[in-house]
N, C-alpha and C. Protein backbone atom coordinates (compact mmCIF):
# COMPACT_ATOMS: atom_id res chain seq x y z
N UNK A 1 0.68 -1.29 0.16
CA UNK A 1 -0.16 0.16 0.64
C UNK A 1 0.82 1.18 0.00
N UNK A 2 2.27 1.66 1.13
CA UNK A 2 2.40 2.79 0.83
C UNK A 2 3.67 2.61 -0.75
N UNK A 3 3.94 1.75 -1.70
CA UNK A 3 3.59 1.85 -3.25
C UNK A 3 2.83 2.70 -4.21
N UNK A 4 1.83 2.23 -3.60
CA UNK A 4 0.88 3.11 -4.17
C UNK A 4 0.62 4.32 -3.62
N UNK A 5 0.78 4.54 -2.51
CA UNK A 5 0.34 6.25 -1.78
C UNK A 5 2.07 6.93 -2.40
N UNK A 6 3.21 5.94 -2.95
CA UNK A 6 4.06 7.03 -3.00
C UNK A 6 3.64 7.03 -4.63
N UNK A 7 3.46 6.11 -5.57
CA UNK A 7 2.93 6.57 -6.87
C UNK A 7 2.11 7.25 -7.07
N UNK A 8 0.89 7.43 -5.89
CA UNK A 8 0.33 8.39 -6.09
C UNK A 8 0.79 10.07 -6.10
N UNK A 9 1.66 10.29 -5.03
CA UNK A 9 2.18 11.17 -4.61
C UNK A 9 2.99 11.75 -5.29
N UNK A 10 4.07 10.74 -6.28
CA UNK A 10 4.83 11.89 -7.14
C UNK A 10 4.01 11.80 -8.75
N UNK A 11 2.18 11.10 -9.17
CA UNK A 11 1.53 11.40 -10.05
C UNK A 11 1.47 13.52 -9.82
N UNK A 12 1.22 13.41 -8.03
CA UNK A 12 0.42 14.36 -8.36
C UNK A 12 1.33 15.25 -8.15
N UNK A 13 3.22 15.41 -7.64
CA UNK A 13 4.20 16.35 -7.97
C UNK A 13 4.58 16.56 -9.14
N UNK A 14 4.39 15.34 -10.13
CA UNK A 14 4.87 15.73 -11.42
C UNK A 14 3.31 16.64 -12.26
N UNK A 15 2.39 16.30 -11.79
CA UNK A 15 1.08 16.88 -12.67
C UNK A 15 1.49 18.92 -12.37
N UNK A 16 1.69 18.23 -10.92
CA UNK A 16 1.89 19.79 -10.08
C UNK A 16 3.45 20.71 -10.77
N UNK A 17 4.24 20.00 -11.21
CA UNK A 17 5.10 20.79 -11.73
C UNK A 17 5.16 21.51 -13.50
N UNK A 18 4.82 20.57 -14.08
CA UNK A 18 3.76 20.53 -15.36
C UNK A 18 3.44 22.09 -15.04
N UNK A 19 2.07 21.45 -14.64
CA UNK A 19 1.13 22.96 -14.80
C UNK A 19 1.86 24.20 -14.51
N UNK A 20 2.60 24.02 -13.69
CA UNK A 20 4.09 25.49 -13.09
C UNK A 20 4.69 25.86 -14.25
N UNK A 21 5.27 24.48 -14.62
CA UNK A 21 6.26 24.85 -15.60
C UNK A 21 5.56 25.62 -17.22
N UNK A 22 4.07 24.65 -17.26
CA UNK A 22 3.65 25.57 -18.36
C UNK A 22 2.75 27.11 -18.54
N UNK A 23 2.17 27.70 -16.72
CA UNK A 23 2.01 28.59 -16.50
C UNK A 23 3.42 29.89 -16.84
N UNK A 24 4.16 29.34 -16.56
CA UNK A 24 6.15 30.33 -16.59
C UNK A 24 5.91 30.70 -17.78
N UNK A 25 5.63 29.47 -18.25
CA UNK A 25 6.74 29.83 -20.11
C UNK A 25 5.20 30.57 -20.81
N UNK A 26 4.11 30.49 -20.27
CA UNK A 26 2.79 31.10 -20.89
C UNK A 26 2.81 32.60 -20.53
N UNK A 27 3.45 33.32 -19.04
CA UNK A 27 3.87 34.32 -18.56
C UNK A 27 4.61 34.95 -19.28
N UNK A 28 5.79 33.92 -19.45
CA UNK A 28 7.45 34.31 -20.10
C UNK A 28 6.59 35.17 -21.42
N UNK A 29 6.43 34.82 -22.45
CA UNK A 29 5.74 34.78 -22.84
C UNK A 29 4.38 35.99 -23.68
N UNK A 30 3.95 36.49 -22.69
CA UNK A 30 2.76 37.40 -22.44
C UNK A 30 3.83 38.77 -22.21
N UNK A 31 4.99 38.56 -21.28
CA UNK A 31 6.12 39.16 -21.20
C UNK A 31 6.36 40.12 -22.11
N UNK A 32 7.27 39.19 -22.90
CA UNK A 32 7.76 39.18 -24.21
C UNK A 32 7.34 39.87 -25.36
N UNK A 33 5.74 39.56 -25.41
CA UNK A 33 4.87 40.45 -26.44
C UNK A 33 4.75 41.37 -25.82
N UNK A 34 4.90 41.59 -24.29
CA UNK A 34 4.29 43.83 -24.03
C UNK A 34 5.49 43.81 -24.00
N UNK A 35 6.66 43.58 -23.86
CA UNK A 35 7.23 44.33 -24.31
C UNK A 35 7.94 44.78 -25.90
N UNK A 36 7.94 43.82 -26.34
CA UNK A 36 7.83 44.47 -27.84
C UNK A 36 7.40 45.06 -27.87
N UNK A 37 5.50 44.95 -28.29
CA UNK A 37 4.54 46.16 -27.55
C UNK A 37 5.25 48.07 -27.49
N UNK A 38 5.47 47.70 -25.87
CA UNK A 38 6.38 49.18 -25.67
C UNK A 38 7.01 50.04 -26.12
N UNK A 39 8.58 48.84 -26.92
CA UNK A 39 8.79 49.25 -27.83
C UNK A 39 8.70 50.02 -28.92
N UNK A 40 7.66 49.62 -29.24
CA UNK A 40 7.01 50.11 -30.89
C UNK A 40 6.00 51.35 -30.34
N UNK A 41 6.35 51.14 -29.46
CA UNK A 41 5.15 52.60 -28.74
C UNK A 41 6.12 53.54 -28.57
N UNK A 42 7.11 53.19 -27.58
CA UNK A 42 8.11 54.26 -27.65
C UNK A 42 8.86 54.87 -28.82
N UNK A 43 9.57 54.21 -29.65
CA UNK A 43 9.79 54.73 -30.88
C UNK A 43 8.54 55.39 -31.89
N UNK A 44 7.44 54.99 -31.49
CA UNK A 44 6.27 55.79 -32.43
C UNK A 44 6.30 57.22 -31.66
N UNK A 45 6.15 57.40 -30.37
CA UNK A 45 6.25 58.18 -29.94
C UNK A 45 7.79 59.62 -30.31
N UNK A 46 8.58 59.02 -30.12
CA UNK A 46 9.60 59.65 -30.75
C UNK A 46 9.65 59.74 -31.76
N UNK A 47 9.19 59.47 -32.49
CA UNK A 47 9.38 60.02 -34.17
C UNK A 47 7.86 61.01 -33.89
N UNK A 48 7.19 61.00 -33.51
CA UNK A 48 6.02 62.15 -33.40
C UNK A 48 6.45 62.98 -33.17
N UNK A 49 7.30 62.91 -31.85
CA UNK A 49 7.53 64.13 -31.38
C UNK A 49 8.39 64.66 -32.60
N UNK A 50 9.38 64.04 -32.33
CA UNK A 50 10.55 64.79 -33.71
C UNK A 50 10.26 65.25 -35.22
N UNK A 51 9.24 64.47 -35.69
CA UNK A 51 8.77 64.95 -36.36
C UNK A 51 7.83 66.25 -36.62
N UNK A 52 7.28 66.36 -35.25
CA UNK A 52 6.40 67.15 -34.69
C UNK A 52 7.20 68.63 -35.23
N UNK A 53 8.73 68.55 -34.18
CA UNK A 53 9.66 69.60 -34.54
C UNK A 53 9.95 70.23 -35.83
N UNK A 54 10.51 68.74 -36.63
CA UNK A 54 10.78 69.30 -38.17
C UNK A 54 9.89 70.16 -39.24
N UNK A 55 8.92 69.93 -38.32
CA UNK A 55 7.52 70.29 -39.48
C UNK A 55 7.61 71.90 -38.81
N UNK A 56 7.68 72.41 -37.49
CA UNK A 56 7.24 73.34 -37.09
C UNK A 56 8.49 73.97 -37.69
N UNK A 57 9.49 74.01 -37.66
CA UNK A 57 10.90 74.57 -37.70
C UNK A 57 11.00 74.65 -39.54
N UNK A 58 9.93 74.11 -40.40
CA UNK A 58 10.01 74.15 -42.15
C UNK A 58 9.30 75.16 -42.14
N UNK A 59 9.83 75.53 -43.04
CA UNK A 59 8.72 77.25 -43.12
C UNK A 59 7.77 77.23 -44.22
N UNK A 60 7.72 76.38 -45.14
CA UNK A 60 7.01 75.70 -45.86
C UNK A 60 6.00 74.99 -45.47
N UNK A 61 5.89 74.50 -44.32
CA UNK A 61 4.72 73.66 -43.94
C UNK A 61 4.06 74.67 -42.85
N UNK A 62 1.93 75.32 -43.03
CA UNK A 62 1.96 76.08 -42.46
C UNK A 62 1.11 74.99 -41.58
N UNK A 63 0.92 75.05 -39.74
CA UNK A 63 0.76 74.37 -39.12
C UNK A 63 -0.56 74.24 -39.17
N UNK A 64 -1.09 75.32 -38.95
CA UNK A 64 -2.33 75.66 -39.47
C UNK A 64 -3.26 75.00 -40.70
N UNK A 65 -2.25 75.16 -41.26
CA UNK A 65 -3.22 73.73 -42.41
C UNK A 65 -3.18 72.00 -42.50
N UNK A 66 -2.86 71.69 -41.54
CA UNK A 66 -2.21 70.02 -40.99
C UNK A 66 -4.02 69.69 -40.10
N UNK A 67 -4.35 68.71 -41.12
CA UNK A 67 -5.81 68.40 -41.08
C UNK A 67 -5.81 66.86 -40.31
N UNK A 68 -4.52 65.78 -40.37
CA UNK A 68 -4.44 65.07 -39.28
C UNK A 68 -3.36 64.31 -39.30
N UNK A 69 -2.62 63.80 -38.05
CA UNK A 69 -1.39 63.27 -38.39
C UNK A 69 -1.61 62.53 -38.11
N UNK A 70 -0.38 61.21 -38.26
CA UNK A 70 -0.34 59.63 -38.01
C UNK A 70 0.78 58.72 -37.91
N UNK A 71 1.09 58.47 -37.50
CA UNK A 71 2.56 57.42 -37.42
C UNK A 71 1.56 55.99 -37.55
N UNK A 72 2.91 55.65 -38.32
CA UNK A 72 2.51 54.50 -39.23
C UNK A 72 3.85 53.44 -39.12
N UNK A 73 3.59 52.21 -39.46
CA UNK A 73 4.92 51.47 -39.25
C UNK A 73 4.81 50.78 -40.86
N UNK A 74 5.56 50.88 -41.71
CA UNK A 74 5.40 49.72 -42.82
C UNK A 74 5.84 48.34 -42.96
N UNK A 75 5.37 47.71 -43.41
CA UNK A 75 5.72 46.09 -43.63
C UNK A 75 7.18 45.52 -43.72
N UNK A 76 7.14 46.86 -44.99
CA UNK A 76 8.53 46.84 -45.37
C UNK A 76 9.81 47.92 -44.80
N UNK A 77 10.78 47.69 -44.97
CA UNK A 77 11.86 48.89 -44.77
C UNK A 77 12.34 48.13 -43.38
N UNK A 78 14.14 48.42 -43.07
CA UNK A 78 15.07 48.55 -42.08
C UNK A 78 14.47 49.02 -40.70
N UNK A 79 14.41 48.62 -39.61
CA UNK A 79 14.76 49.22 -38.08
C UNK A 79 15.65 50.59 -38.74
N UNK A 80 15.12 51.74 -38.21
CA UNK A 80 13.76 52.76 -37.79
C UNK A 80 13.21 53.19 -38.89
N UNK A 81 13.46 52.90 -40.37
CA UNK A 81 13.44 53.57 -41.26
C UNK A 81 11.76 53.19 -41.30
N UNK A 82 11.10 51.78 -41.46
CA UNK A 82 10.02 51.46 -41.28
C UNK A 82 8.80 52.28 -40.65
N UNK A 83 8.92 52.91 -39.80
CA UNK A 83 8.40 53.87 -39.32
C UNK A 83 8.46 54.80 -39.64
N UNK A 84 6.92 55.62 -40.19
CA UNK A 84 6.43 56.80 -40.71
C UNK A 84 5.57 58.09 -40.55
N UNK A 85 5.55 59.28 -39.91
CA UNK A 85 4.56 59.95 -39.75
C UNK A 85 4.21 60.50 -41.01
N UNK A 86 2.57 60.42 -41.29
CA UNK A 86 1.98 60.95 -42.16
C UNK A 86 1.32 61.61 -41.56
N UNK A 87 1.38 63.31 -42.74
CA UNK A 87 0.37 64.18 -42.09
C UNK A 87 -0.82 64.67 -43.50
N UNK A 88 -1.86 64.86 -43.26
CA UNK A 88 -2.76 65.10 -44.07
C UNK A 88 -2.96 66.07 -43.84
N UNK A 89 -2.98 67.28 -44.99
CA UNK A 89 -3.10 68.60 -45.14
C UNK A 89 -4.81 68.96 -45.40
N UNK A 90 -4.88 69.83 -45.36
CA UNK A 90 -6.91 70.31 -46.00
C UNK A 90 -6.54 70.46 -46.84
N UNK A 91 -5.81 70.72 -47.73
CA UNK A 91 -5.80 71.23 -48.91
C UNK A 91 -5.74 69.79 -49.88
N UNK A 92 -5.29 68.53 -49.09
CA UNK A 92 -5.72 67.59 -50.02
C UNK A 92 -4.34 66.89 -49.53
N UNK A 93 -3.04 67.16 -49.86
CA UNK A 93 -1.80 66.92 -49.82
C UNK A 93 -1.38 65.86 -48.68
N UNK A 94 -0.54 65.74 -48.85
CA UNK A 94 0.30 65.24 -47.71
C UNK A 94 1.73 64.74 -47.24
N UNK A 95 2.12 64.74 -46.15
CA UNK A 95 3.88 64.93 -46.41
C UNK A 95 3.87 63.13 -45.19
N UNK A 96 5.36 62.90 -45.26
CA UNK A 96 5.71 62.24 -44.75
C UNK A 96 7.33 62.52 -44.00
N UNK A 97 7.09 62.05 -42.87
CA UNK A 97 8.54 62.37 -42.00
C UNK A 97 8.97 61.43 -41.65
N UNK A 98 10.15 60.90 -41.93
CA UNK A 98 10.79 60.01 -41.82
C UNK A 98 11.71 60.21 -40.57
N UNK A 99 12.62 59.09 -40.15
CA UNK A 99 13.54 59.29 -39.11
C UNK A 99 15.34 60.09 -40.78
N UNK A 100 16.06 60.99 -40.27
CA UNK A 100 16.83 61.10 -41.37
C UNK A 100 18.32 60.19 -41.00
N UNK A 101 18.33 59.40 -39.76
CA UNK A 101 19.85 58.28 -39.75
C UNK A 101 19.01 57.72 -38.95
N UNK A 102 19.87 55.99 -38.79
CA UNK A 102 19.72 55.03 -38.27
C UNK A 102 19.67 54.95 -36.18
N UNK A 103 20.54 56.81 -35.80
CA UNK A 103 20.62 56.75 -34.36
C UNK A 103 19.43 57.29 -34.10
N UNK A 104 18.42 57.47 -35.12
CA UNK A 104 16.58 58.23 -34.35
C UNK A 104 17.62 60.06 -33.72
N UNK A 105 18.20 60.61 -34.45
CA UNK A 105 18.31 62.06 -33.96
C UNK A 105 17.82 62.82 -34.37
N UNK A 106 17.33 62.55 -35.53
CA UNK A 106 17.15 63.52 -36.53
C UNK A 106 15.68 63.01 -37.60
N UNK A 107 15.02 63.76 -37.71
CA UNK A 107 13.75 63.60 -39.13
C UNK A 107 13.83 64.25 -40.21
N UNK A 108 13.47 64.16 -41.37
CA UNK A 108 13.11 64.72 -42.21
C UNK A 108 12.22 64.72 -42.94
N UNK A 109 11.47 65.74 -43.40
CA UNK A 109 10.42 65.73 -44.63
C UNK A 109 10.73 65.44 -46.08
N UNK A 110 10.24 63.92 -45.88
CA UNK A 110 10.65 63.31 -46.84
C UNK A 110 9.81 63.15 -48.46
N UNK A 111 8.42 63.39 -48.15
CA UNK A 111 7.96 63.03 -49.05
C UNK A 111 6.68 64.55 -49.23
N UNK A 112 6.33 65.20 -49.99
CA UNK A 112 5.68 66.55 -50.48
C UNK A 112 4.79 66.26 -51.56
N UNK A 113 4.02 65.77 -51.02
CA UNK A 113 2.85 65.39 -52.50
C UNK A 113 1.44 67.15 -51.57
N UNK A 114 1.85 67.39 -53.27
CA UNK A 114 1.45 69.31 -52.85
C UNK A 114 0.83 69.54 -54.43
């Protein structure tokens, strides 16, 4: 009888360790996905802030004529150049502002459909 109890206890411990291992793996996966999403958000926020400054300093852009600003991530391209700020103007034209260098220190207006 003691062998039966021992085997039963070993099965319970094995199942408990299995459940704990699966829980830890799922938790780690969620943490990794969360870190990736937060990293993307930081890059987008930094790009938007820098692009706003670039447009404010550019004399050819009248900030009062801006209708919509959005940050988009392109499916192609190399980081950080796969992010772009798209600015829709009230007259129907669109500006694209992107990182100037891979250090993400400056942005430039790369496309002006006027």
